[in-house]
Amino acid sequence: MTPPPNRSWVPSHGYQEHHPAPIPPPFRGVWAPGPPPGVLVHPAFAIPPLPPPPPYTANPTTPASGSAPPGAPIANGSTPAPAPAAPAPAPLPGAQLTGGLMSGASYIYPSTHTNLHVIHPLARPPWEGEPQTIKFTITKVPTMMSIKDVIQRVLGDGDAHKVTEVLEVGEGKWFPGKGFSAGELGAGKSCGVVGWDESRGEGGRRPVWVYFERG
């Protein structure tokens, strides 16, 4: 015997009516198939539809200071630009490899270097007169490089150009140390020989501060 539509036979109870729940719509943005044909879904297992998304506000509330939080949309729908990064210090004139490298070539660096703290040009040498505002650039130099080569890489050719090591004595004051002119015999010595070696600035030892002057 075929049971009537929407009924099922339950022993000792006879025919029981049941009604299929409506097939819910799929998730928004996620594919969700409905039940196969002929399969009834009990209301307890029906998936409710997702609530609608909140409306977009083109002009969000800004903090008490009056500025929008970083990256937040502003009235015209755009995003404020991030704060500009601090400019990198300009390299010294001789800090580039002359001629560059051939395509596919590599370069073997010397095994030991020192860090020269090069004081930028001032109205007068740092050891003269009242303390001045000091700006400097740190550059790594091979300890086997001659003093003359260092001078010429920074200031160019010229035997009258000179470099002086300066010693910081506190309260913005400096004292001149050993100095070399590019044309003198002592400028042929290497940085390591005159004490500008890899240990300077390490382990509490004073760094190498130098001041260049054009002749």
C-alpha atoms as a PDB file:
ATOM      1  CA  MET A   1       0.000   0.000   0.000  1.00  0.00           C
ATOM      2  CA  THR A   2       1.354   3.401  -0.970  1.00  0.00           C
ATOM      3  CA  PRO A   3       1.203   5.943   1.894  1.00  0.00           C
ATOM      4  CA  PRO A   4      -0.575   9.224   1.240  1.00  0.00           C
ATOM      5  CA  PRO A   5       1.597  12.208   0.324  1.00  0.00           C
ATOM      6  CA  ASN A   6       3.457  13.924   3.198  1.00  0.00           C
ATOM      7  CA  ARG A   7       2.800  10.958   5.475  1.00  0.00           C
ATOM      8  CA  SER A   8       4.913   8.134   6.814  1.00  0.00           C
ATOM      9  CA  TRP A   9       3.991   4.892   8.528  1.00  0.00           C
ATOM     10  CA  VAL A  10       4.980   4.622  12.182  1.00  0.00           C
ATOM     11  CA  PRO A  11       4.356   1.206  13.812  1.00  0.00           C
ATOM     12  CA  SER A  12       1.641   1.286  16.533  1.00  0.00           C
ATOM     13  CA  HIS A  13       0.815   4.865  15.547  1.00  0.00           C
ATOM     14  CA  GLY A  14      -0.321   4.586  11.982  1.00  0.00           C
ATOM     15  CA  TYR A  15       0.262   7.298   9.418  1.00  0.00           C
ATOM     16  CA  GLN A  16       1.947  10.482  10.661  1.00  0.00           C
ATOM     17  CA  GLU A  17       1.823  13.739   8.751  1.00  0.00           C
ATOM     18  CA  HIS A  18       4.963  15.739   8.250  1.00  0.00           C
ATOM     19  CA  HIS A  19       5.706  18.858   6.280  1.00  0.00           C
ATOM     20  CA  PRO A  20       9.066  19.629   4.615  1.00  0.00           C
ATOM     21  CA  ALA A  21      10.768  22.855   5.651  1.00  0.00           C
ATOM     22  CA  PRO A  22      11.460  25.377   2.909  1.00  0.00           C
ATOM     23  CA  ILE A  23      14.944  25.131   1.436  1.00  0.00           C
ATOM     24  CA  PRO A  24      17.021  28.030   2.782  1.00  0.00           C
ATOM     25  CA  PRO A  25      19.014  30.264   0.437  1.00  0.00           C
ATOM     26  CA  PRO A  26      22.791  29.650   0.226  1.00  0.00           C
ATOM     27  CA  PHE A  27      25.321  31.676   2.224  1.00  0.00           C
ATOM     28  CA  ARG A  28      26.245  35.040   0.795  1.00  0.00           C
ATOM     29  CA  GLY A  29      29.665  34.760  -0.773  1.00  0.00           C
ATOM     30  CA  VAL A  30      29.964  31.022   0.057  1.00  0.00           C
ATOM     31  CA  TRP A  31      28.498  28.370  -2.198  1.00  0.00           C
ATOM     32  CA  ALA A  32      26.092  26.127  -0.294  1.00  0.00           C
ATOM     33  CA  PRO A  33      24.056  23.557  -2.294  1.00  0.00           C
ATOM     34  CA  GLY A  34      20.506  22.768  -1.301  1.00  0.00           C
ATOM     35  CA  PRO A  35      19.392  19.239  -0.376  1.00  0.00           C
ATOM     36  CA  PRO A  36      19.117  16.705  -3.206  1.00  0.00           C
ATOM     37  CA  PRO A  37      15.672  16.201  -4.756  1.00  0.00           C
ATOM     38  CA  GLY A  38      13.333  14.041  -2.675  1.00  0.00           C
ATOM     39  CA  VAL A  39      15.227  14.659   0.609  1.00  0.00           C
ATOM     40  CA  LEU A  40      13.215  16.451   3.265  1.00  0.00           C
ATOM     41  CA  VAL A  41      14.941  18.904   5.660  1.00  0.00           C
ATOM     42  CA  HIS A  42      13.696  19.041   9.254  1.00  0.00           C
ATOM     43  CA  PRO A  43      13.240  22.655  10.497  1.00  0.00           C
ATOM     44  CA  ALA A  44      15.725  22.078  13.321  1.00  0.00           C
ATOM     45  CA  PHE A  45      18.484  21.552  10.750  1.00  0.00           C
ATOM     46  CA  ALA A  46      17.567  24.383   8.423  1.00  0.00           C
ATOM     47  CA  ILE A  47      20.373  27.003   7.987  1.00  0.00           C
ATOM     48  CA  PRO A  48      19.158  30.550   8.634  1.00  0.00           C
ATOM     49  CA  PRO A  49      20.211  33.244   6.134  1.00  0.00           C
ATOM     50  CA  LEU A  50      23.120  35.544   6.980  1.00  0.00           C
ATOM     51  CA  PRO A  51      22.282  39.038   8.253  1.00  0.00           C
ATOM     52  CA  PRO A  52      22.978  41.880   5.797  1.00  0.00           C
ATOM     53  CA  PRO A  53      26.407  43.594   6.115  1.00  0.00           C
ATOM     54  CA  PRO A  54      26.563  46.935   7.982  1.00  0.00           C
ATOM     55  CA  PRO A  55      26.374  50.025   5.755  1.00  0.00           C
ATOM     56  CA  TYR A  56      29.690  51.676   4.750  1.00  0.00           C
ATOM     57  CA  THR A  57      30.375  55.092   6.248  1.00  0.00           C
ATOM     58  CA  ALA A  58      32.562  57.257   4.011  1.00  0.00           C
ATOM     59  CA  ASN A  59      33.318  59.758   6.802  1.00  0.00           C
ATOM     60  CA  PRO A  60      34.175  57.844  10.000  1.00  0.00           C
ATOM     61  CA  THR A  61      34.373  59.481  13.376  1.00  0.00           C
ATOM     62  CA  THR A  62      37.787  61.042  13.953  1.00  0.00           C
ATOM     63  CA  PRO A  63      39.649  61.151  17.278  1.00  0.00           C
ATOM     64  CA  ALA A  64      39.347  64.112  19.614  1.00  0.00           C
ATOM     65  CA  SER A  65      42.497  65.629  18.134  1.00  0.00           C
ATOM     66  CA  GLY A  66      40.691  66.104  14.823  1.00  0.00           C
ATOM     67  CA  SER A  67      43.009  63.913  12.760  1.00  0.00           C
ATOM     68  CA  ALA A  68      41.948  60.624  11.256  1.00  0.00           C
ATOM     69  CA  PRO A  69      43.631  57.452  12.592  1.00  0.00           C
ATOM     70  CA  PRO A  70      46.490  56.147  10.395  1.00  0.00           C
ATOM     71  CA  GLY A  71      45.206  54.447   7.287  1.00  0.00           C
ATOM     72  CA  ALA A  72      41.516  55.312   7.951  1.00  0.00           C
ATOM     73  CA  PRO A  73      39.342  56.456   5.029  1.00  0.00           C
ATOM     74  CA  ILE A  74      38.657  60.188   4.911  1.00  0.00           C
ATOM     75  CA  ALA A  75      35.682  62.116   3.539  1.00  0.00           C
ATOM     76  CA  ASN A  76      36.483  61.649  -0.149  1.00  0.00           C
ATOM     77  CA  GLY A  77      36.987  57.922   0.249  1.00  0.00           C
ATOM     78  CA  SER A  78      40.776  58.006  -0.149  1.00  0.00           C
ATOM     79  CA  THR A  79      43.400  56.934   2.393  1.00  0.00           C
ATOM     80  CA  PRO A  80      45.862  59.474   3.833  1.00  0.00           C
ATOM     81  CA  ALA A  81      49.454  58.962   2.737  1.00  0.00           C
ATOM     82  CA  PRO A  82      51.876  57.605   5.377  1.00  0.00           C
ATOM     83  CA  ALA A  83      54.427  59.928   6.930  1.00  0.00           C
ATOM     84  CA  PRO A  84      57.534  60.268   4.710  1.00  0.00           C
ATOM     85  CA  ALA A  85      60.562  58.287   5.815  1.00  0.00           C
ATOM     86  CA  ALA A  86      63.675  60.108   6.972  1.00  0.00           C
ATOM     87  CA  PRO A  87      66.090  60.573   4.046  1.00  0.00           C
ATOM     88  CA  ALA A  88      69.092  58.281   4.012  1.00  0.00           C
ATOM     89  CA  PRO A  89      72.463  60.000   4.505  1.00  0.00           C
ATOM     90  CA  ALA A  90      74.258  60.730   1.251  1.00  0.00           C
ATOM     91  CA  PRO A  91      77.224  58.393   0.626  1.00  0.00           C
ATOM     92  CA  LEU A  92      80.731  59.819   0.509  1.00  0.00           C
ATOM     93  CA  PRO A  93      82.092  60.570  -2.976  1.00  0.00           C
ATOM     94  CA  GLY A  94      84.456  57.613  -2.889  1.00  0.00           C
ATOM     95  CA  ALA A  95      81.968  55.108  -1.457  1.00  0.00           C
ATOM     96  CA  GLN A  96      81.205  53.578  -4.863  1.00  0.00           C
ATOM     97  CA  LEU A  97      83.212  50.894  -6.621  1.00  0.00           C
ATOM     98  CA  THR A  98      85.102  52.525  -9.499  1.00  0.00           C
ATOM     99  CA  GLY A  99      83.878  51.127 -12.787  1.00  0.00           C
ATOM    100  CA  GLY A 100      81.333  48.884 -11.085  1.00  0.00           C
ATOM    101  CA  LEU A 101      81.347  45.133 -11.705  1.00  0.00           C
ATOM    102  CA  MET A 102      81.146  43.181 -14.935  1.00  0.00           C
ATOM    103  CA  SER A 103      77.883  41.344 -15.495  1.00  0.00           C
ATOM    104  CA  GLY A 104      77.892  38.200 -13.346  1.00  0.00           C
ATOM    105  CA  ALA A 105      81.100  39.208 -11.526  1.00  0.00           C
ATOM    106  CA  SER A 106      81.548  39.272  -7.741  1.00  0.00           C
ATOM    107  CA  TYR A 107      83.975  41.103  -5.481  1.00  0.00           C
ATOM    108  CA  ILE A 108      86.244  39.766  -2.724  1.00  0.00           C
ATOM    109  CA  TYR A 109      86.357  42.251   0.149  1.00  0.00           C
ATOM    110  CA  PRO A 110      89.380  42.746   2.425  1.00  0.00           C
ATOM    111  CA  SER A 111      89.176  40.713   5.621  1.00  0.00           C
ATOM    112  CA  THR A 112      89.492  43.606   8.110  1.00  0.00           C
ATOM    113  CA  HIS A 113      87.872  47.062   8.182  1.00  0.00           C
ATOM    114  CA  THR A 114      87.574  50.056  10.444  1.00  0.00           C
ATOM    115  CA  ASN A 115      84.644  52.461  10.774  1.00  0.00           C
ATOM    116  CA  LEU A 116      85.511  56.089  10.083  1.00  0.00           C
ATOM    117  CA  HIS A 117      83.126  58.632  11.601  1.00  0.00           C
ATOM    118  CA  VAL A 118      83.501  61.385   8.989  1.00  0.00           C
ATOM    119  CA  ILE A 119      82.458  64.805  10.330  1.00  0.00           C
ATOM    120  CA  HIS A 120      80.651  66.905   7.728  1.00  0.00           C
ATOM    121  CA  PRO A 121      82.299  70.192   6.647  1.00  0.00           C
ATOM    122  CA  LEU A 122      81.975  73.028   9.163  1.00  0.00           C
ATOM    123  CA  ALA A 123      82.567  76.778   9.147  1.00  0.00           C
ATOM    124  CA  ARG A 124      85.813  76.036  11.021  1.00  0.00           C
ATOM    125  CA  PRO A 125      87.514  72.844  12.243  1.00  0.00           C
ATOM    126  CA  PRO A 126      85.654  71.315  15.201  1.00  0.00           C
ATOM    127  CA  TRP A 127      88.558  71.928  17.602  1.00  0.00           C
ATOM    128  CA  GLU A 128      88.539  75.698  16.992  1.00  0.00           C
ATOM    129  CA  GLY A 129      86.289  78.204  18.794  1.00  0.00           C
ATOM    130  CA  GLU A 130      82.959  77.492  20.434  1.00  0.00           C
ATOM    131  CA  PRO A 131      81.240  74.071  20.134  1.00  0.00           C
ATOM    132  CA  GLN A 132      79.376  73.552  16.867  1.00  0.00           C
ATOM    133  CA  THR A 133      76.559  71.245  15.822  1.00  0.00           C
ATOM    134  CA  ILE A 134      78.230  68.129  14.500  1.00  0.00           C
ATOM    135  CA  LYS A 135      76.835  65.948  11.719  1.00  0.00           C
ATOM    136  CA  PHE A 136      78.712  62.914  10.497  1.00  0.00           C
ATOM    137  CA  THR A 137      78.621  59.853   8.230  1.00  0.00           C
ATOM    138  CA  ILE A 138      79.981  56.443   9.183  1.00  0.00           C
ATOM    139  CA  THR A 139      81.844  54.642   6.409  1.00  0.00           C
ATOM    140  CA  LYS A 140      83.602  51.283   6.477  1.00  0.00           C
ATOM    141  CA  VAL A 141      87.183  51.392   5.198  1.00  0.00           C
ATOM    142  CA  PRO A 142      89.673  48.512   4.741  1.00  0.00           C
ATOM    143  CA  THR A 143      92.464  48.698   7.317  1.00  0.00           C
ATOM    144  CA  MET A 144      94.971  47.941   4.533  1.00  0.00           C
ATOM    145  CA  MET A 145      93.949  51.113   2.619  1.00  0.00           C
ATOM    146  CA  SER A 146      96.503  53.937   2.696  1.00  0.00           C
ATOM    147  CA  ILE A 147      95.692  57.313   4.276  1.00  0.00           C
ATOM    148  CA  LYS A 148      96.443  59.018   0.950  1.00  0.00           C
ATOM    149  CA  ASP A 149      93.977  56.769  -0.820  1.00  0.00           C
ATOM    150  CA  VAL A 150      91.311  57.567   1.770  1.00  0.00           C
ATOM    151  CA  ILE A 151      91.892  61.336   1.345  1.00  0.00           C
ATOM    152  CA  GLN A 152      91.726  61.137  -2.431  1.00  0.00           C
ATOM    153  CA  ARG A 153      88.598  58.963  -2.386  1.00  0.00           C
ATOM    154  CA  VAL A 154      86.832  61.583  -0.274  1.00  0.00           C
ATOM    155  CA  LEU A 155      88.224  64.879  -1.585  1.00  0.00           C
ATOM    156  CA  GLY A 156      89.693  63.951  -4.969  1.00  0.00           C
ATOM    157  CA  ASP A 157      93.250  64.459  -6.246  1.00  0.00           C
ATOM    158  CA  GLY A 158      95.421  67.087  -4.587  1.00  0.00           C
ATOM    159  CA  ASP A 159      98.496  66.762  -2.391  1.00  0.00           C
ATOM    160  CA  ALA A 160      97.357  69.613  -0.114  1.00  0.00           C
ATOM    161  CA  HIS A 161      94.155  67.889   0.965  1.00  0.00           C
ATOM    162  CA  LYS A 162      94.380  66.618   4.525  1.00  0.00           C
ATOM    163  CA  VAL A 163      92.599  64.535   7.128  1.00  0.00           C
ATOM    164  CA  THR A 164      92.863  64.926  10.907  1.00  0.00           C
ATOM    165  CA  GLU A 165      91.759  62.530  13.579  1.00  0.00           C
ATOM    166  CA  VAL A 166      89.778  64.393  16.249  1.00  0.00           C
ATOM    167  CA  LEU A 167      89.256  63.341  19.849  1.00  0.00           C
ATOM    168  CA  GLU A 168      86.041  64.091  21.722  1.00  0.00           C
ATOM    169  CA  VAL A 169      86.744  65.573  25.163  1.00  0.00           C
ATOM    170  CA  GLY A 170      83.144  66.252  26.263  1.00  0.00           C
ATOM    171  CA  GLU A 171      80.693  69.175  26.364  1.00  0.00           C
ATOM    172  CA  GLY A 172      80.830  69.505  22.573  1.00  0.00           C
ATOM    173  CA  LYS A 173      84.578  70.106  22.547  1.00  0.00           C
ATOM    174  CA  TRP A 174      87.115  68.339  20.338  1.00  0.00           C
ATOM    175  CA  PHE A 175      90.900  68.065  20.328  1.00  0.00           C
ATOM    176  CA  PRO A 176      92.998  67.528  17.155  1.00  0.00           C
ATOM    177  CA  GLY A 177      94.975  64.306  16.961  1.00  0.00           C
ATOM    178  CA  LYS A 178      97.277  62.995  14.258  1.00  0.00           C
ATOM    179  CA  GLY A 179      96.869  64.651  10.843  1.00  0.00           C
ATOM    180  CA  PHE A 180      98.033  63.753   7.354  1.00  0.00           C
ATOM    181  CA  SER A 181      98.325  65.638   4.066  1.00  0.00           C
ATOM    182  CA  ALA A 182      97.912  63.592   0.909  1.00  0.00           C
ATOM    183  CA  GLY A 183     101.321  64.626  -0.418  1.00  0.00           C
ATOM    184  CA  GLU A 184     103.394  63.797   2.657  1.00  0.00           C
ATOM    185  CA  LEU A 185     105.332  60.578   3.134  1.00  0.00           C
ATOM    186  CA  GLY A 186     103.310  59.476   6.174  1.00  0.00           C
ATOM    187  CA  ALA A 187     100.113  59.357   4.123  1.00  0.00           C
ATOM    188  CA  GLY A 188     101.443  56.227   2.456  1.00  0.00           C
ATOM    189  CA  LYS A 189     100.867  54.278   5.678  1.00  0.00           C
ATOM    190  CA  SER A 190      97.787  52.101   5.970  1.00  0.00           C
ATOM    191  CA  CYS A 191      94.852  52.875   8.254  1.00  0.00           C
ATOM    192  CA  GLY A 192      95.707  49.864  10.407  1.00  0.00           C
ATOM    193  CA  VAL A 193      99.322  50.976  10.881  1.00  0.00           C
ATOM    194  CA  VAL A 194      98.318  54.434  12.215  1.00  0.00           C
ATOM    195  CA  GLY A 195      95.848  52.877  14.666  1.00  0.00           C
ATOM    196  CA  TRP A 196      92.628  53.041  12.658  1.00  0.00           C
ATOM    197  CA  ASP A 197      92.040  49.325  12.915  1.00  0.00           C
ATOM    198  CA  GLU A 198      89.099  46.952  13.341  1.00  0.00           C
ATOM    199  CA  SER A 199      89.143  47.198  17.143  1.00  0.00           C
ATOM    200  CA  ARG A 200      88.338  50.922  17.270  1.00  0.00           C
ATOM    201  CA  GLY A 201      84.844  51.511  18.595  1.00  0.00           C
ATOM    202  CA  GLU A 202      84.580  47.913  19.773  1.00  0.00           C
ATOM    203  CA  GLY A 203      84.707  46.830  23.401  1.00  0.00           C
ATOM    204  CA  GLY A 204      84.540  50.390  24.729  1.00  0.00           C
ATOM    205  CA  ARG A 205      87.467  51.702  22.686  1.00  0.00           C
ATOM    206  CA  ARG A 206      86.950  55.156  21.193  1.00  0.00           C
ATOM    207  CA  PRO A 207      85.729  55.342  17.578  1.00  0.00           C
ATOM    208  CA  VAL A 208      87.754  56.939  14.793  1.00  0.00           C
ATOM    209  CA  TRP A 209      86.496  60.502  14.269  1.00  0.00           C
ATOM    210  CA  VAL A 210      88.078  62.278  11.291  1.00  0.00           C
ATOM    211  CA  TYR A 211      87.756  65.718   9.699  1.00  0.00           C
ATOM    212  CA  PHE A 212      88.743  66.355   6.057  1.00  0.00           C
ATOM    213  CA  GLU A 213      89.968  69.705   4.765  1.00  0.00           C
ATOM    214  CA  ARG A 214      90.637  70.789   1.204  1.00  0.00           C
ATOM    215  CA  GLY A 215      94.096  72.259   0.513  1.00  0.00           C
END
